Amino acid sequence: MSIGNNIKILRNKYGLSQQDLADIAGVTNKAVSTWESNTKEPRMGAIEKIANHFGIRKSNLIDENGMEMIDYVGSNGSTHDTYLKPLYGSIAAGTPIEMLEVEEYIEIPKNIALKYPKSFLLKVNGDSMNKVVPNSAYALITPQEEANNGDVVAVAINGYDATLKRYYQLQNTTVLEPDSYNAEHVAKTFSGNEGEPSLRIIGKMVWFMSGYDIKY
């Protein structure tokens, strides 16, 4: 990953325009554009201004994959390590993860990120799994195409957006079962017969974190 890509990830994470970042770095928006297109690399002075503004290390911008781990410096001088993981808005069957558009990057604890290095985040919509993961939480998914009975998986049905359900494979039937306090949600079975919806396991949920807008 180039310096330009690291800068673009950081800018998108905070929802900044190229002009916003240019003002932080003390350069023109054209300069930021050339960085992100990998036409030119920023000078060390600009890198230092960006790093100081966001409270990160210069190495996060310079090193390959440097934006995956952010060493945030607190006001008391302490640091804590977090990794950035991509949040995907929708995942369709047959579409490789690397081809999907990333909505934003969200920080997760370093130890979780290292345990699941290829993982990504999905935002949970609805209450069909609220015994396990609440509505509006972020579910961490590790990519895999198979699952064990009882696993909570992200699965695409007929190419539509991913849904989280408990997975059970019986002799000739796949069952996707909700795990909810809402009795309106019921299990759905798929026998794989012609004309039935197609299923594709995208990955297994291995961790989740509360969304920023969850009210308690």
C-alpha atoms as a PDB file:
ATOM      1  CA  MET A   1       0.000   0.000   0.000  1.00  0.00           C
ATOM      2  CA  SER A   2       1.472   3.360  -1.051  1.00  0.00           C
ATOM      3  CA  ILE A   3       1.644   6.603   0.886  1.00  0.00           C
ATOM      4  CA  GLY A   4      -1.095   7.923  -1.392  1.00  0.00           C
ATOM      5  CA  ASN A   5      -3.399   5.041  -0.518  1.00  0.00           C
ATOM      6  CA  ASN A   6      -2.717   5.494   3.187  1.00  0.00           C
ATOM      7  CA  ILE A   7      -3.583   9.177   2.914  1.00  0.00           C
ATOM      8  CA  LYS A   8      -6.781   8.426   1.010  1.00  0.00           C
ATOM      9  CA  ILE A   9      -7.884   5.889   3.639  1.00  0.00           C
ATOM     10  CA  LEU A  10      -7.272   8.426   6.402  1.00  0.00           C
ATOM     11  CA  ARG A  11      -9.128  11.181   4.534  1.00  0.00           C
ATOM     12  CA  ASN A  12     -12.132   8.959   3.775  1.00  0.00           C
ATOM     13  CA  LYS A  13     -12.222   7.680   7.350  1.00  0.00           C
ATOM     14  CA  TYR A  14     -12.895  11.190   8.607  1.00  0.00           C
ATOM     15  CA  GLY A  15     -15.138  12.199   5.690  1.00  0.00           C
ATOM     16  CA  LEU A  16     -12.784  14.950   4.526  1.00  0.00           C
ATOM     17  CA  SER A  17     -12.509  16.439   1.064  1.00  0.00           C
ATOM     18  CA  GLN A  18      -9.145  16.775  -0.633  1.00  0.00           C
ATOM     19  CA  GLN A  19      -9.317  20.501   0.121  1.00  0.00           C
ATOM     20  CA  ASP A  20      -9.886  19.772   3.827  1.00  0.00           C
ATOM     21  CA  LEU A  21      -6.777  17.601   3.935  1.00  0.00           C
ATOM     22  CA  ALA A  22      -4.845  20.142   1.896  1.00  0.00           C
ATOM     23  CA  ASP A  23      -5.615  22.793   4.515  1.00  0.00           C
ATOM     24  CA  ILE A  24      -4.336  20.469   7.251  1.00  0.00           C
ATOM     25  CA  ALA A  25      -1.137  19.674   5.336  1.00  0.00           C
ATOM     26  CA  GLY A  26      -0.538  23.253   4.195  1.00  0.00           C
ATOM     27  CA  VAL A  27      -0.664  22.382   0.484  1.00  0.00           C
ATOM     28  CA  THR A  28      -3.076  22.745  -2.416  1.00  0.00           C
ATOM     29  CA  ASN A  29      -5.904  20.305  -3.141  1.00  0.00           C
ATOM     30  CA  LYS A  30      -4.121  19.529  -6.413  1.00  0.00           C
ATOM     31  CA  ALA A  31      -1.139  18.278  -4.390  1.00  0.00           C
ATOM     32  CA  VAL A  32      -3.402  15.945  -2.406  1.00  0.00           C
ATOM     33  CA  SER A  33      -4.859  14.667  -5.672  1.00  0.00           C
ATOM     34  CA  THR A  34      -1.382  13.828  -6.988  1.00  0.00           C
ATOM     35  CA  TRP A  35      -0.562  11.986  -3.749  1.00  0.00           C
ATOM     36  CA  GLU A  36      -3.681   9.861  -3.892  1.00  0.00           C
ATOM     37  CA  SER A  37      -3.155   9.041  -7.566  1.00  0.00           C
ATOM     38  CA  ASN A  38       0.428   8.034  -6.700  1.00  0.00           C
ATOM     39  CA  THR A  39       1.777  10.595  -9.172  1.00  0.00           C
ATOM     40  CA  LYS A  40       3.827  12.320  -6.493  1.00  0.00           C
ATOM     41  CA  GLU A  41       4.704  11.680  -2.856  1.00  0.00           C
ATOM     42  CA  PRO A  42       4.270  14.290  -0.129  1.00  0.00           C
ATOM     43  CA  ARG A  43       7.225  15.919   1.512  1.00  0.00           C
ATOM     44  CA  MET A  44       8.077  14.966   5.065  1.00  0.00           C
ATOM     45  CA  GLY A  45       6.849  18.319   6.364  1.00  0.00           C
ATOM     46  CA  ALA A  46       3.359  17.667   5.007  1.00  0.00           C
ATOM     47  CA  ILE A  47       3.373  14.112   6.370  1.00  0.00           C
ATOM     48  CA  GLU A  48       4.331  15.435   9.794  1.00  0.00           C
ATOM     49  CA  LYS A  49       1.508  18.002   9.769  1.00  0.00           C
ATOM     50  CA  ILE A  50      -1.038  15.332   8.863  1.00  0.00           C
ATOM     51  CA  ALA A  51       0.261  12.914  11.485  1.00  0.00           C
ATOM     52  CA  ASN A  52       0.265  15.588  14.196  1.00  0.00           C
ATOM     53  CA  HIS A  53      -3.255  16.708  13.307  1.00  0.00           C
ATOM     54  CA  PHE A  54      -4.732  13.207  13.632  1.00  0.00           C
ATOM     55  CA  GLY A  55      -2.537  12.107  16.511  1.00  0.00           C
ATOM     56  CA  ILE A  56      -0.939   9.232  14.615  1.00  0.00           C
ATOM     57  CA  ARG A  57       2.618   8.268  13.780  1.00  0.00           C
ATOM     58  CA  LYS A  58       4.337   9.253  10.536  1.00  0.00           C
ATOM     59  CA  SER A  59       4.977   5.553   9.934  1.00  0.00           C
ATOM     60  CA  ASN A  60       1.222   5.002   9.649  1.00  0.00           C
ATOM     61  CA  LEU A  61       1.330   7.115   6.503  1.00  0.00           C
ATOM     62  CA  ILE A  62       4.675   6.001   5.136  1.00  0.00           C
ATOM     63  CA  ASP A  63       4.821   2.257   5.755  1.00  0.00           C
ATOM     64  CA  GLU A  64       3.132  -0.322   3.593  1.00  0.00           C
ATOM     65  CA  ASN A  65      -0.169  -1.245   5.271  1.00  0.00           C
ATOM     66  CA  GLY A  66       0.615   1.462   7.814  1.00  0.00           C
ATOM     67  CA  MET A  67      -2.994   2.592   7.998  1.00  0.00           C
ATOM     68  CA  GLU A  68      -4.146  -0.849   9.079  1.00  0.00           C
ATOM     69  CA  MET A  69      -2.665  -0.177  12.518  1.00  0.00           C
ATOM     70  CA  ILE A  70      -3.091   3.195  14.141  1.00  0.00           C
ATOM     71  CA  ASP A  71      -1.174   4.093  17.292  1.00  0.00           C
ATOM     72  CA  TYR A  72      -3.390   6.833  18.694  1.00  0.00           C
ATOM     73  CA  VAL A  73      -1.706   9.143  21.166  1.00  0.00           C
ATOM     74  CA  GLY A  74      -3.950  10.301  23.992  1.00  0.00           C
ATOM     75  CA  SER A  75      -3.863  13.693  25.674  1.00  0.00           C
ATOM     76  CA  ASN A  76      -1.919  12.180  28.555  1.00  0.00           C
ATOM     77  CA  GLY A  77       0.746  10.826  26.216  1.00  0.00           C
ATOM     78  CA  SER A  78      -0.429   7.217  26.451  1.00  0.00           C
ATOM     79  CA  THR A  79      -0.992   5.124  23.341  1.00  0.00           C
ATOM     80  CA  HIS A  80      -3.304   2.308  22.401  1.00  0.00           C
ATOM     81  CA  ASP A  81      -3.113   0.185  19.296  1.00  0.00           C
ATOM     82  CA  THR A  82      -6.079  -0.271  17.018  1.00  0.00           C
ATOM     83  CA  TYR A  83      -6.448  -1.596  13.515  1.00  0.00           C
ATOM     84  CA  LEU A  84      -8.685  -0.236  10.793  1.00  0.00           C
ATOM     85  CA  LYS A  85     -11.126  -2.669   9.197  1.00  0.00           C
ATOM     86  CA  PRO A  86     -13.291  -1.966   6.148  1.00  0.00           C
ATOM     87  CA  LEU A  87     -17.058  -1.622   6.566  1.00  0.00           C
ATOM     88  CA  TYR A  88     -19.026  -2.868   3.570  1.00  0.00           C
ATOM     89  CA  GLY A  89     -22.524  -1.601   2.992  1.00  0.00           C
ATOM     90  CA  SER A  90     -23.641  -4.572   0.932  1.00  0.00           C
ATOM     91  CA  ILE A  91     -22.161  -7.838  -0.262  1.00  0.00           C
ATOM     92  CA  ALA A  92     -23.581  -9.659  -3.254  1.00  0.00           C
ATOM     93  CA  ALA A  93     -23.032 -13.271  -4.212  1.00  0.00           C
ATOM     94  CA  GLY A  94     -20.190 -13.848  -6.638  1.00  0.00           C
ATOM     95  CA  THR A  95     -18.540 -10.501  -5.989  1.00  0.00           C
ATOM     96  CA  PRO A  96     -15.013 -10.746  -4.545  1.00  0.00           C
ATOM     97  CA  ILE A  97     -14.515  -8.803  -1.328  1.00  0.00           C
ATOM     98  CA  GLU A  98     -11.667  -6.785  -2.803  1.00  0.00           C
ATOM     99  CA  MET A  99     -13.963  -5.521  -5.585  1.00  0.00           C
ATOM    100  CA  LEU A 100     -16.570  -4.075  -3.228  1.00  0.00           C
ATOM    101  CA  GLU A 101     -16.806  -0.418  -2.342  1.00  0.00           C
ATOM    102  CA  VAL A 102     -15.741   0.347   1.215  1.00  0.00           C
ATOM    103  CA  GLU A 103     -18.132   2.670   3.069  1.00  0.00           C
ATOM    104  CA  GLU A 104     -15.611   3.609   5.740  1.00  0.00           C
ATOM    105  CA  TYR A 105     -12.846   2.217   7.942  1.00  0.00           C
ATOM    106  CA  ILE A 106     -13.553   1.519  11.610  1.00  0.00           C
ATOM    107  CA  GLU A 107     -11.071   0.920  14.422  1.00  0.00           C
ATOM    108  CA  ILE A 108     -11.118  -2.408  16.230  1.00  0.00           C
ATOM    109  CA  PRO A 109      -8.792  -3.723  18.964  1.00  0.00           C
ATOM    110  CA  LYS A 110      -5.363  -4.851  17.788  1.00  0.00           C
ATOM    111  CA  ASN A 111      -5.614  -8.342  19.299  1.00  0.00           C
ATOM    112  CA  ILE A 112      -8.891  -9.039  17.473  1.00  0.00           C
ATOM    113  CA  ALA A 113      -7.525  -7.745  14.174  1.00  0.00           C
ATOM    114  CA  LEU A 114      -4.390  -9.875  14.438  1.00  0.00           C
ATOM    115  CA  LYS A 115      -6.441 -12.970  15.224  1.00  0.00           C
ATOM    116  CA  TYR A 116      -8.608 -12.439  12.121  1.00  0.00           C
ATOM    117  CA  PRO A 117      -6.319 -10.671   9.632  1.00  0.00           C
ATOM    118  CA  LYS A 118      -8.610 -10.985   6.592  1.00  0.00           C
ATOM    119  CA  SER A 119     -11.761  -9.926   8.421  1.00  0.00           C
ATOM    120  CA  PHE A 120     -14.143  -7.106   7.539  1.00  0.00           C
ATOM    121  CA  LEU A 121     -17.179  -5.442   9.102  1.00  0.00           C
ATOM    122  CA  LEU A 122     -20.877  -5.487   8.295  1.00  0.00           C
ATOM    123  CA  LYS A 123     -23.453  -3.302  10.005  1.00  0.00           C
ATOM    124  CA  VAL A 124     -26.344  -5.291  11.459  1.00  0.00           C
ATOM    125  CA  ASN A 125     -29.770  -4.061  10.352  1.00  0.00           C
ATOM    126  CA  GLY A 126     -32.797  -5.400  12.189  1.00  0.00           C
ATOM    127  CA  ASP A 127     -33.487  -7.538  15.242  1.00  0.00           C
ATOM    128  CA  SER A 128     -33.462 -11.061  13.799  1.00  0.00           C
ATOM    129  CA  MET A 129     -30.244 -11.897  15.694  1.00  0.00           C
ATOM    130  CA  ASN A 130     -30.627  -9.660  18.727  1.00  0.00           C
ATOM    131  CA  LYS A 131     -30.009 -12.450  21.230  1.00  0.00           C
ATOM    132  CA  VAL A 132     -26.473 -12.534  19.861  1.00  0.00           C
ATOM    133  CA  VAL A 133     -25.767  -9.161  18.282  1.00  0.00           C
ATOM    134  CA  PRO A 134     -27.916  -6.004  18.624  1.00  0.00           C
ATOM    135  CA  ASN A 135     -29.377  -3.948  15.828  1.00  0.00           C
ATOM    136  CA  SER A 136     -26.942  -1.334  14.452  1.00  0.00           C
ATOM    137  CA  ALA A 137     -23.895  -3.155  15.842  1.00  0.00           C
ATOM    138  CA  TYR A 138     -20.860  -3.910  13.687  1.00  0.00           C
ATOM    139  CA  ALA A 139     -20.291  -7.620  13.070  1.00  0.00           C
ATOM    140  CA  LEU A 140     -16.741  -8.735  12.295  1.00  0.00           C
ATOM    141  CA  ILE A 141     -16.751 -11.372   9.567  1.00  0.00           C
ATOM    142  CA  THR A 142     -13.865 -13.649   8.671  1.00  0.00           C
ATOM    143  CA  PRO A 143     -14.203 -14.874   5.064  1.00  0.00           C
ATOM    144  CA  GLN A 144     -14.922 -18.567   4.566  1.00  0.00           C
ATOM    145  CA  GLU A 145     -17.152 -20.626   2.316  1.00  0.00           C
ATOM    146  CA  GLU A 146     -18.043 -23.380   4.784  1.00  0.00           C
ATOM    147  CA  ALA A 147     -19.418 -23.360   8.325  1.00  0.00           C
ATOM    148  CA  ASN A 148     -20.223 -25.679  11.206  1.00  0.00           C
ATOM    149  CA  ASN A 149     -23.715 -26.196  12.526  1.00  0.00           C
ATOM    150  CA  GLY A 150     -24.648 -23.402  14.896  1.00  0.00           C
ATOM    151  CA  ASP A 151     -22.189 -20.860  13.491  1.00  0.00           C
ATOM    152  CA  VAL A 152     -23.458 -17.331  12.917  1.00  0.00           C
ATOM    153  CA  VAL A 153     -22.706 -16.641   9.278  1.00  0.00           C
ATOM    154  CA  ALA A 154     -23.091 -13.882   6.742  1.00  0.00           C
ATOM    155  CA  VAL A 155     -24.840 -15.444   3.786  1.00  0.00           C
ATOM    156  CA  ALA A 156     -26.019 -14.016   0.468  1.00  0.00           C
ATOM    157  CA  ILE A 157     -29.369 -15.301  -0.805  1.00  0.00           C
ATOM    158  CA  ASN A 158     -29.937 -15.118  -4.562  1.00  0.00           C
ATOM    159  CA  GLY A 159     -27.252 -12.487  -4.884  1.00  0.00           C
ATOM    160  CA  TYR A 160     -28.842 -10.025  -2.464  1.00  0.00           C
ATOM    161  CA  ASP A 161     -27.164  -8.276   0.418  1.00  0.00           C
ATOM    162  CA  ALA A 162     -25.650 -10.388   3.139  1.00  0.00           C
ATOM    163  CA  THR A 163     -27.802 -11.463   6.070  1.00  0.00           C
ATOM    164  CA  LEU A 164     -26.659 -12.817   9.440  1.00  0.00           C
ATOM    165  CA  LYS A 165     -28.232 -16.081  10.607  1.00  0.00           C
ATOM    166  CA  ARG A 166     -27.364 -19.281  12.467  1.00  0.00           C
ATOM    167  CA  TYR A 167     -26.388 -21.968   9.981  1.00  0.00           C
ATOM    168  CA  TYR A 168     -27.362 -25.631  10.075  1.00  0.00           C
ATOM    169  CA  GLN A 169     -26.647 -28.208   7.398  1.00  0.00           C
ATOM    170  CA  LEU A 170     -28.921 -31.250   7.633  1.00  0.00           C
ATOM    171  CA  GLN A 171     -28.855 -34.263   5.323  1.00  0.00           C
ATOM    172  CA  ASN A 172     -30.329 -32.534   2.274  1.00  0.00           C
ATOM    173  CA  THR A 173     -31.397 -29.228   3.729  1.00  0.00           C
ATOM    174  CA  THR A 174     -29.765 -25.974   4.792  1.00  0.00           C
ATOM    175  CA  VAL A 175     -31.451 -24.086   7.601  1.00  0.00           C
ATOM    176  CA  LEU A 176     -30.909 -20.403   8.326  1.00  0.00           C
ATOM    177  CA  GLU A 177     -32.255 -19.722  11.785  1.00  0.00           C
ATOM    178  CA  PRO A 178     -32.786 -16.383  13.534  1.00  0.00           C
ATOM    179  CA  ASP A 179     -31.717 -15.976  17.158  1.00  0.00           C
ATOM    180  CA  SER A 180     -34.096 -13.288  18.289  1.00  0.00           C
ATOM    181  CA  TYR A 181     -36.377 -12.200  21.098  1.00  0.00           C
ATOM    182  CA  ASN A 182     -38.840 -11.231  18.361  1.00  0.00           C
ATOM    183  CA  ALA A 183     -41.025 -14.296  17.707  1.00  0.00           C
ATOM    184  CA  GLU A 184     -41.992 -12.994  14.263  1.00  0.00           C
ATOM    185  CA  HIS A 185     -38.643 -14.166  12.885  1.00  0.00           C
ATOM    186  CA  VAL A 186     -38.720 -17.820  11.815  1.00  0.00           C
ATOM    187  CA  ALA A 187     -36.191 -20.262  10.382  1.00  0.00           C
ATOM    188  CA  LYS A 188     -35.993 -20.725   6.622  1.00  0.00           C
ATOM    189  CA  THR A 189     -35.033 -23.970   4.926  1.00  0.00           C
ATOM    190  CA  PHE A 190     -33.396 -24.492   1.554  1.00  0.00           C
ATOM    191  CA  SER A 191     -33.206 -27.860  -0.156  1.00  0.00           C
ATOM    192  CA  GLY A 192     -31.164 -26.791  -3.171  1.00  0.00           C
ATOM    193  CA  ASN A 193     -33.838 -27.839  -5.651  1.00  0.00           C
ATOM    194  CA  GLU A 194     -34.115 -26.121  -8.995  1.00  0.00           C
ATOM    195  CA  GLY A 195     -35.988 -22.850  -8.726  1.00  0.00           C
ATOM    196  CA  GLU A 196     -35.149 -22.305  -5.063  1.00  0.00           C
ATOM    197  CA  PRO A 197     -33.001 -19.389  -3.906  1.00  0.00           C
ATOM    198  CA  SER A 198     -29.248 -19.932  -4.117  1.00  0.00           C
ATOM    199  CA  LEU A 199     -27.110 -19.531  -1.015  1.00  0.00           C
ATOM    200  CA  ARG A 200     -23.491 -18.528  -0.612  1.00  0.00           C
ATOM    201  CA  ILE A 201     -21.707 -18.349   2.711  1.00  0.00           C
ATOM    202  CA  ILE A 202     -19.595 -15.203   2.771  1.00  0.00           C
ATOM    203  CA  GLY A 203     -18.037 -15.683   6.167  1.00  0.00           C
ATOM    204  CA  LYS A 204     -18.450 -16.404   9.851  1.00  0.00           C
ATOM    205  CA  MET A 205     -19.135 -13.777  12.520  1.00  0.00           C
ATOM    206  CA  VAL A 206     -16.294 -13.911  15.043  1.00  0.00           C
ATOM    207  CA  TRP A 207     -16.809 -10.713  17.071  1.00  0.00           C
ATOM    208  CA  PHE A 208     -18.965  -7.620  17.205  1.00  0.00           C
ATOM    209  CA  MET A 209     -18.887  -4.121  18.609  1.00  0.00           C
ATOM    210  CA  SER A 210     -21.683  -1.722  19.438  1.00  0.00           C
ATOM    211  CA  GLY A 211     -22.439   0.916  16.855  1.00  0.00           C
ATOM    212  CA  TYR A 212     -21.801   4.533  17.685  1.00  0.00           C
ATOM    213  CA  ASP A 213     -25.506   5.389  17.502  1.00  0.00           C
ATOM    214  CA  ILE A 214     -26.799   2.634  19.803  1.00  0.00           C
ATOM    215  CA  LYS A 215     -28.814   3.976  22.742  1.00  0.00           C
ATOM    216  CA  TYR A 216     -28.857   2.245  26.113  1.00  0.00           C
END
